[in-house]
Amino acid sequence: MWTKSHSVVTRAVTRQQIWNLFADANHWADWDNGVEYTKLHGKFEKGGRIELKPAGGPKVMISLLEVDPLRHFLDVTQFPLAKMYGDHTFEETPDGLRITYTISVKGPLSFLWVKLVASKLAAALPQDVDKQIAVAAARY
């Protein structure tokens, strides 16, 4: 299994604001330049699904495996012979809100999907989190 994490502590955004940014899944493309569009199927809760069309790539379906509002959500994207998990945690600390994202890939072809998708997502996490914080603070 391949795993990469990124964590930041900030006072620039509240847990409610960052949660609202993600729960408004139909508008992820507004703040993620790597996404052409998203469409939430169902609700942003366990069992919900998000259709996501990455820029220059085929659309994928993301399934919400765990959703603990304001605290955590875990999603999975299925690829041929591999699964990519996105773990998002929002934790209040004395120093501010700790936002942690972990990307994991499991399966016989995980090495391929790490090379094609996951390593690029992981490399972009620091810039993506900064943008998410700015947008969430301004919009929500």
Protein backbone atom coordinates (compact mmCIF):
# COMPACT_ATOMS: atom_id res chain seq x y z
CA MET A 1 0.00 0.00 0.00
CA TRP A 2 1.16 3.51 -0.87
CA THR A 3 0.26 6.41 1.45
CA LYS A 4 1.01 10.15 1.59
CA SER A 5 -0.33 12.68 4.09
CA HIS A 6 -0.34 16.44 4.45
CA SER A 7 -1.40 18.36 7.53
CA VAL A 8 -1.68 22.06 8.33
CA VAL A 9 -2.85 24.00 11.39
CA THR A 10 -4.63 27.28 10.72
CA ARG A 11 -6.74 29.94 12.39
CA ALA A 12 -7.83 31.35 9.00
CA VAL A 13 -10.87 29.09 8.70
CA THR A 14 -13.31 27.34 11.02
CA ARG A 15 -14.18 23.67 10.95
CA GLN A 16 -17.70 24.62 9.80
CA GLN A 17 -16.33 26.66 6.88
CA ILE A 18 -13.98 23.95 5.61
CA TRP A 19 -16.69 21.32 6.06
CA ASN A 20 -19.14 23.41 4.05
CA LEU A 21 -16.58 23.69 1.25
CA PHE A 22 -16.40 19.91 0.86
CA ALA A 23 -20.06 19.18 1.57
CA ASP A 24 -20.95 21.53 -1.31
CA ALA A 25 -19.60 18.82 -3.63
CA ASN A 26 -21.35 20.16 -6.75
CA HIS A 27 -19.02 23.17 -6.64
CA TRP A 28 -15.58 21.60 -6.15
CA ALA A 29 -14.61 22.72 -9.66
CA ASP A 30 -15.02 26.34 -8.50
CA TRP A 31 -11.90 26.01 -6.36
CA ASP A 32 -10.02 23.04 -7.83
CA ASN A 33 -8.36 23.85 -11.16
CA GLY A 34 -7.79 20.15 -11.81
CA VAL A 35 -11.52 19.45 -11.90
CA GLU A 36 -13.84 20.20 -14.83
CA TYR A 37 -17.03 19.36 -12.92
CA THR A 38 -18.50 17.41 -10.02
CA LYS A 39 -21.99 16.12 -9.43
CA LEU A 40 -23.19 14.82 -6.08
CA HIS A 41 -25.45 11.78 -6.37
CA GLY A 42 -27.48 11.58 -3.17
CA LYS A 43 -26.35 13.48 -0.10
CA PHE A 44 -22.92 14.19 1.34
CA GLU A 45 -23.22 11.27 3.73
CA LYS A 46 -22.13 7.65 3.94
CA GLY A 47 -23.22 5.94 0.73
CA GLY A 48 -23.30 9.16 -1.29
CA ARG A 49 -21.38 9.31 -4.54
CA ILE A 50 -19.65 12.12 -6.38
CA GLU A 51 -19.12 12.04 -10.13
CA LEU A 52 -15.88 13.89 -10.84
CA LYS A 53 -14.43 14.81 -14.23
CA PRO A 54 -10.74 15.67 -13.90
CA ALA A 55 -9.26 18.13 -16.38
CA GLY A 56 -7.97 16.10 -19.31
CA GLY A 57 -9.10 12.75 -17.91
CA PRO A 58 -12.05 10.39 -17.85
CA LYS A 59 -14.77 10.88 -15.27
CA VAL A 60 -14.61 8.81 -12.09
CA MET A 61 -17.07 7.99 -9.36
CA ILE A 62 -16.06 8.72 -5.77
CA SER A 63 -17.96 6.86 -3.05
CA LEU A 64 -18.30 8.25 0.47
CA LEU A 65 -17.41 5.41 2.85
CA GLU A 66 -17.48 7.34 6.14
CA VAL A 67 -18.90 10.76 6.94
CA ASP A 68 -18.73 12.29 10.42
CA PRO A 69 -19.97 15.86 9.85
CA LEU A 70 -17.50 18.62 10.73
CA ARG A 71 -14.84 16.06 11.70
CA HIS A 72 -14.00 13.53 9.01
CA PHE A 73 -14.86 11.90 5.73
CA LEU A 74 -13.32 8.99 3.86
CA ASP A 75 -13.85 8.43 0.16
CA VAL A 76 -12.77 5.81 -2.33
CA THR A 77 -12.22 5.89 -6.08
CA GLN A 78 -12.06 2.54 -7.84
CA PHE A 79 -9.59 1.99 -10.63
CA PRO A 80 -8.93 -1.29 -12.46
CA LEU A 81 -7.30 -3.56 -9.86
CA ALA A 82 -6.73 -0.75 -7.35
CA LYS A 83 -8.58 1.60 -5.01
CA MET A 84 -7.56 5.11 -4.02
CA TYR A 85 -8.74 6.37 -0.64
CA GLY A 86 -8.98 10.00 0.41
CA ASP A 87 -9.11 10.54 4.17
CA HIS A 88 -10.02 14.09 5.27
CA THR A 89 -9.85 15.03 8.96
CA PHE A 90 -10.68 18.36 10.63
CA GLU A 91 -9.58 18.62 14.26
CA GLU A 92 -9.76 21.55 16.67
CA THR A 93 -6.49 22.09 18.53
CA PRO A 94 -5.28 24.83 20.90
CA ASP A 95 -3.25 26.25 17.98
CA GLY A 96 -6.14 26.27 15.49
CA LEU A 97 -7.85 23.89 13.11
CA ARG A 98 -5.72 20.93 12.02
CA ILE A 99 -6.61 19.84 8.50
CA THR A 100 -5.14 16.49 7.49
CA TYR A 101 -5.48 14.74 4.15
CA THR A 102 -4.18 11.25 3.53
CA ILE A 103 -4.16 9.59 0.12
CA SER A 104 -3.73 5.79 0.02
CA VAL A 105 -3.71 3.37 -2.88
CA LYS A 106 -4.22 -0.39 -2.48
CA GLY A 107 -4.45 -3.25 -4.93
CA PRO A 108 -2.42 -5.29 -7.43
CA LEU A 109 -2.05 -2.35 -9.84
CA SER A 110 -1.54 0.29 -7.15
CA PHE A 111 1.94 1.09 -8.53
CA LEU A 112 0.35 2.13 -11.83
CA TRP A 113 -2.36 4.31 -10.27
CA VAL A 114 0.17 5.92 -7.94
CA LYS A 115 2.22 6.90 -10.98
CA LEU A 116 -0.76 8.05 -13.07
CA VAL A 117 -2.90 9.76 -10.42
CA ALA A 118 -2.06 9.59 -6.72
CA SER A 119 1.50 10.94 -6.76
CA LYS A 120 0.32 14.06 -8.61
CA LEU A 121 -2.54 14.58 -6.17
CA ALA A 122 -0.17 14.17 -3.22
CA ALA A 123 2.39 16.60 -4.66
CA ALA A 124 -0.34 19.24 -5.05
CA LEU A 125 -1.74 18.87 -1.52
CA PRO A 126 0.10 21.83 0.10
CA GLN A 127 -1.09 24.29 -2.58
CA ASP A 128 -4.57 22.72 -2.71
CA VAL A 129 -5.06 23.01 1.05
CA ASP A 130 -3.97 26.66 1.02
CA LYS A 131 -6.53 27.40 -1.70
CA GLN A 132 -9.27 25.44 0.09
CA ILE A 133 -8.66 27.44 3.26
CA ALA A 134 -8.79 30.77 1.39
CA VAL A 135 -11.96 29.87 -0.53
CA ALA A 136 -13.73 28.40 2.52
CA ALA A 137 -12.91 31.49 4.59
CA ALA A 138 -14.20 33.85 1.90
CA ARG A 139 -17.27 31.89 0.78
CA TYR A 140 -18.64 30.05 3.80
